[in-house]
Amino acid sequence: MDQRFPVAQAGQVIGLLGGSFDPAHEGHAHITRVALRRFGLDRVWWLVSPGNPLKERGPAPLDLRIERARKVINDPRVIVTGIEERLGTRYTAETIAALQKRYRGVRFVWLMGADNLSQFDRWQNWEQIANSVPIGVVARPEYGVKARTSKMARMFRGAQLDPRASTVLGYYNAPAWCYVNHPLSHASSTAIRDKGEWGHGKADA
């Protein structure tokens, strides 16, 4: 295995949490801990993207965001990586396809907060994503109704798992998704930047 890429074994269930992480914060760590427990994951990879196509301005430098992210979460089951830059992918659908090709036999689960589910249909090739990997959705403050009534939730209603089956989500073939509730964290990257607590990110994001 190329040392620039994380190591994974066939049969493992690995959650993928993508985003600009500009900056990473406790909310990301909280979602990750919930996902590890509720979705029965062996590992979670944080995919720190070179840039978010849905955002008008670019984020802080990738190396700086990765460094910050590694300080936010200290768990041997979590790997912070800039793998998308190495793969040369820009959109989530491309990244998932590249990872599935590279890691044969690994079962990936795409992770997202309910805020992202509410606007998932804006993502490039979002239906391809839903048909490629199971999706684990973690509740976020104030987005419950929007997420549950989103276009994705309505279109893939028949593929939704009961939360009681969340720990086996990774063993389902796509399309399959599961929404889980948990004690909520109100942390957000936008709030951190607005407070000036992420100086470099505030200037560039």
Protein backbone atom coordinates (compact mmCIF):
# COMPACT_ATOMS: atom_id res chain seq x y z
CA MET A 1 0.00 0.00 0.00
CA ASP A 2 1.26 3.47 -0.89
CA GLN A 3 2.47 5.06 2.36
CA ARG A 4 0.77 8.33 1.41
CA PHE A 5 -2.57 6.61 1.84
CA PRO A 6 -4.20 5.20 5.00
CA VAL A 7 -3.97 1.45 5.55
CA ALA A 8 -7.19 -0.56 5.53
CA GLN A 9 -7.96 -4.25 5.46
CA ALA A 10 -10.65 -6.02 3.47
CA GLY A 11 -13.72 -6.52 5.63
CA GLN A 12 -13.23 -3.38 7.70
CA VAL A 13 -16.07 -0.88 7.93
CA ILE A 14 -14.69 2.64 7.58
CA GLY A 15 -16.65 5.85 7.96
CA LEU A 16 -15.74 8.76 5.71
CA LEU A 17 -16.31 12.28 7.05
CA GLY A 18 -15.53 14.82 4.36
CA GLY A 19 -15.38 18.57 4.45
CA SER A 20 -13.19 21.63 4.45
CA PHE A 21 -12.68 21.45 8.25
CA ASP A 22 -12.09 25.20 8.22
CA PRO A 23 -11.47 24.84 11.06
CA ALA A 24 -12.05 21.42 12.64
CA HIS A 25 -13.87 21.71 15.97
CA GLU A 26 -15.49 19.72 18.76
CA GLY A 27 -18.65 19.32 16.70
CA HIS A 28 -16.71 17.25 14.15
CA ALA A 29 -15.19 15.18 16.95
CA HIS A 30 -18.61 14.68 18.54
CA ILE A 31 -20.20 13.47 15.30
CA THR A 32 -17.24 11.12 14.81
CA ARG A 33 -17.55 9.58 18.27
CA VAL A 34 -21.29 9.12 17.77
CA ALA A 35 -20.73 7.56 14.33
CA LEU A 36 -18.11 5.11 15.62
CA ARG A 37 -20.50 3.87 18.26
CA ARG A 38 -23.87 4.03 16.49
CA PHE A 39 -22.78 2.79 13.05
CA GLY A 40 -20.43 0.05 14.27
CA LEU A 41 -17.39 1.47 12.48
CA ASP A 42 -13.85 0.13 12.75
CA ARG A 43 -12.30 3.45 11.70
CA VAL A 44 -13.25 6.94 10.61
CA TRP A 45 -11.25 8.88 8.06
CA TRP A 46 -11.54 12.65 8.05
CA LEU A 47 -11.19 13.70 4.42
CA VAL A 48 -9.92 17.26 4.61
CA SER A 49 -10.74 18.60 1.15
CA PRO A 50 -8.54 20.96 -0.88
CA GLY A 51 -11.66 23.14 -1.25
CA ASN A 52 -15.44 22.94 -1.03
CA PRO A 53 -17.06 23.47 -4.48
CA LEU A 54 -20.22 24.79 -2.76
CA LYS A 55 -18.36 27.64 -1.07
CA GLU A 56 -17.48 30.82 -2.93
CA ARG A 57 -14.21 31.48 -1.12
CA GLY A 58 -11.36 29.09 -0.64
CA PRO A 59 -10.45 27.73 2.82
CA ALA A 60 -7.23 28.12 4.81
CA PRO A 61 -4.20 26.16 3.51
CA LEU A 62 -4.69 22.39 3.56
CA ASP A 63 -1.68 21.64 5.77
CA LEU A 64 -2.89 24.14 8.38
CA ARG A 65 -6.38 22.61 8.44
CA ILE A 66 -4.99 19.08 8.75
CA GLU A 67 -2.70 20.15 11.61
CA ARG A 68 -5.62 21.75 13.45
CA ALA A 69 -7.84 18.71 12.86
CA ARG A 70 -5.29 16.35 14.38
CA LYS A 71 -5.30 18.46 17.54
CA VAL A 72 -9.09 18.37 17.78
CA ILE A 73 -9.47 14.61 17.93
CA ASN A 74 -7.19 12.15 19.72
CA ASP A 75 -8.44 8.67 18.93
CA PRO A 76 -6.40 5.88 17.33
CA ARG A 77 -9.48 4.88 15.33
CA VAL A 78 -9.61 8.25 13.57
CA ILE A 79 -7.27 9.18 10.73
CA VAL A 80 -7.05 12.76 9.48
CA THR A 81 -6.00 12.81 5.85
CA GLY A 82 -5.75 15.03 2.77
CA ILE A 83 -6.37 12.00 0.58
CA GLU A 84 -8.52 13.87 -1.93
CA GLU A 85 -5.56 16.01 -2.97
CA ARG A 86 -3.51 12.84 -3.53
CA LEU A 87 -6.30 11.17 -5.45
CA GLY A 88 -6.82 14.27 -7.55
CA THR A 89 -10.58 14.25 -6.91
CA ARG A 90 -12.74 17.31 -6.48
CA TYR A 91 -16.20 15.98 -5.79
CA THR A 92 -17.43 13.42 -3.25
CA ALA A 93 -18.74 11.03 -5.91
CA GLU A 94 -15.30 10.95 -7.53
CA THR A 95 -13.58 10.42 -4.19
CA ILE A 96 -15.81 7.51 -3.23
CA ALA A 97 -15.31 5.82 -6.60
CA ALA A 98 -11.53 6.22 -6.32
CA LEU A 99 -11.45 4.83 -2.78
CA GLN A 100 -13.59 1.84 -3.67
CA LYS A 101 -11.26 1.07 -6.55
CA ARG A 102 -8.15 1.40 -4.40
CA TYR A 103 -9.46 -0.42 -1.31
CA ARG A 104 -11.09 -3.57 -2.62
CA GLY A 105 -13.13 -5.38 0.02
CA VAL A 106 -13.31 -2.41 2.43
CA ARG A 107 -16.85 -1.36 3.30
CA PHE A 108 -17.15 2.43 3.33
CA VAL A 109 -19.92 4.43 4.98
CA TRP A 110 -20.33 8.09 4.08
CA LEU A 111 -20.98 10.20 7.18
CA MET A 112 -22.75 13.52 7.36
CA GLY A 113 -24.61 15.77 9.73
CA ALA A 114 -28.29 16.46 9.23
CA ASP A 115 -27.38 19.95 7.99
CA ASN A 116 -25.69 18.40 4.96
CA LEU A 117 -28.53 15.96 4.35
CA SER A 118 -30.92 18.90 4.10
CA GLN A 119 -29.08 20.18 1.01
CA PHE A 120 -27.58 16.93 -0.26
CA ASP A 121 -29.36 17.27 -3.61
CA ARG A 122 -27.09 20.24 -4.39
CA TRP A 123 -24.02 18.00 -4.39
CA GLN A 124 -22.48 16.93 -7.66
CA ASN A 125 -23.86 13.49 -8.66
CA TRP A 126 -25.61 13.11 -5.31
CA GLU A 127 -27.77 10.22 -6.49
CA GLN A 128 -24.61 8.38 -7.56
CA ILE A 129 -23.25 8.83 -4.04
CA ALA A 130 -26.43 7.45 -2.49
CA ASN A 131 -26.26 4.45 -4.80
CA SER A 132 -22.55 3.84 -4.12
CA VAL A 133 -22.21 3.64 -0.34
CA PRO A 134 -24.41 3.44 2.76
CA ILE A 135 -24.89 6.85 4.38
CA GLY A 136 -24.89 7.50 8.11
CA VAL A 137 -26.61 10.72 9.14
CA VAL A 138 -26.07 12.24 12.58
CA ALA A 139 -28.57 14.76 13.99
CA ARG A 140 -27.54 18.43 14.07
CA PRO A 141 -29.22 21.30 15.94
CA GLU A 142 -32.18 22.89 14.11
CA TYR A 143 -31.93 20.64 11.03
CA GLY A 144 -34.11 17.69 12.01
CA VAL A 145 -37.21 18.66 10.03
CA LYS A 146 -35.26 19.93 7.01
CA ALA A 147 -33.21 16.74 6.88
CA ARG A 148 -36.16 14.37 7.24
CA THR A 149 -38.13 16.18 4.53
CA SER A 150 -35.18 16.75 2.18
CA LYS A 151 -35.23 15.59 -1.43
CA MET A 152 -32.77 12.82 -0.64
CA ALA A 153 -34.83 11.57 2.32
CA ARG A 154 -37.99 11.54 0.22
CA MET A 155 -36.43 9.93 -2.85
CA PHE A 156 -34.64 7.22 -0.87
CA ARG A 157 -37.29 6.72 1.80
CA GLY A 158 -37.47 3.02 1.03
CA ALA A 159 -33.74 2.63 1.69
CA GLN A 160 -33.86 4.14 5.21
CA LEU A 161 -32.91 1.81 8.05
CA ASP A 162 -34.53 1.83 11.44
CA PRO A 163 -32.10 3.45 13.94
CA ARG A 164 -32.12 0.20 15.90
CA ALA A 165 -30.26 -1.38 12.96
CA SER A 166 -27.67 1.40 12.76
CA THR A 167 -24.73 -0.76 13.89
CA VAL A 168 -24.99 -2.94 10.78
CA LEU A 169 -25.41 -0.09 8.29
CA GLY A 170 -21.99 -0.78 6.76
CA TYR A 171 -23.02 -4.30 5.78
CA TYR A 172 -25.96 -3.15 3.67
CA ASN A 173 -25.58 -2.63 -0.04
CA ALA A 174 -26.35 0.88 -1.25
CA PRO A 175 -28.71 2.56 -1.36
CA ALA A 176 -29.06 2.42 2.42
CA TRP A 177 -29.06 5.20 4.98
CA CYS A 178 -29.76 5.69 8.63
CA TYR A 179 -30.56 8.78 10.71
CA VAL A 180 -29.58 8.71 14.38
CA ASN A 181 -30.34 11.11 17.21
CA HIS A 182 -27.93 11.88 20.04
CA PRO A 183 -27.03 14.69 22.48
CA LEU A 184 -26.32 17.63 20.17
CA SER A 185 -23.24 19.83 19.82
CA HIS A 186 -23.75 23.42 18.65
CA ALA A 187 -20.13 23.96 17.55
CA SER A 188 -19.64 25.13 13.97
CA SER A 189 -16.74 26.24 11.80
CA THR A 190 -18.60 29.38 10.74
CA ALA A 191 -19.11 30.49 14.34
CA ILE A 192 -15.43 29.92 15.13
CA ARG A 193 -14.33 31.98 12.13
CA ASP A 194 -16.81 34.76 12.93
CA LYS A 195 -15.42 34.99 16.46
CA GLY A 196 -11.90 35.39 15.07
CA GLU A 197 -10.71 32.23 16.82
CA TRP A 198 -9.36 30.84 13.55
CA GLY A 199 -7.31 33.75 12.28
CA HIS A 200 -5.86 32.26 9.12
CA GLY A 201 -9.08 30.47 8.22
CA LYS A 202 -11.10 33.65 8.74
CA ALA A 203 -8.95 35.52 6.27
CA ASP A 204 -9.13 32.88 3.58
CA ALA A 205 -12.55 31.28 4.05
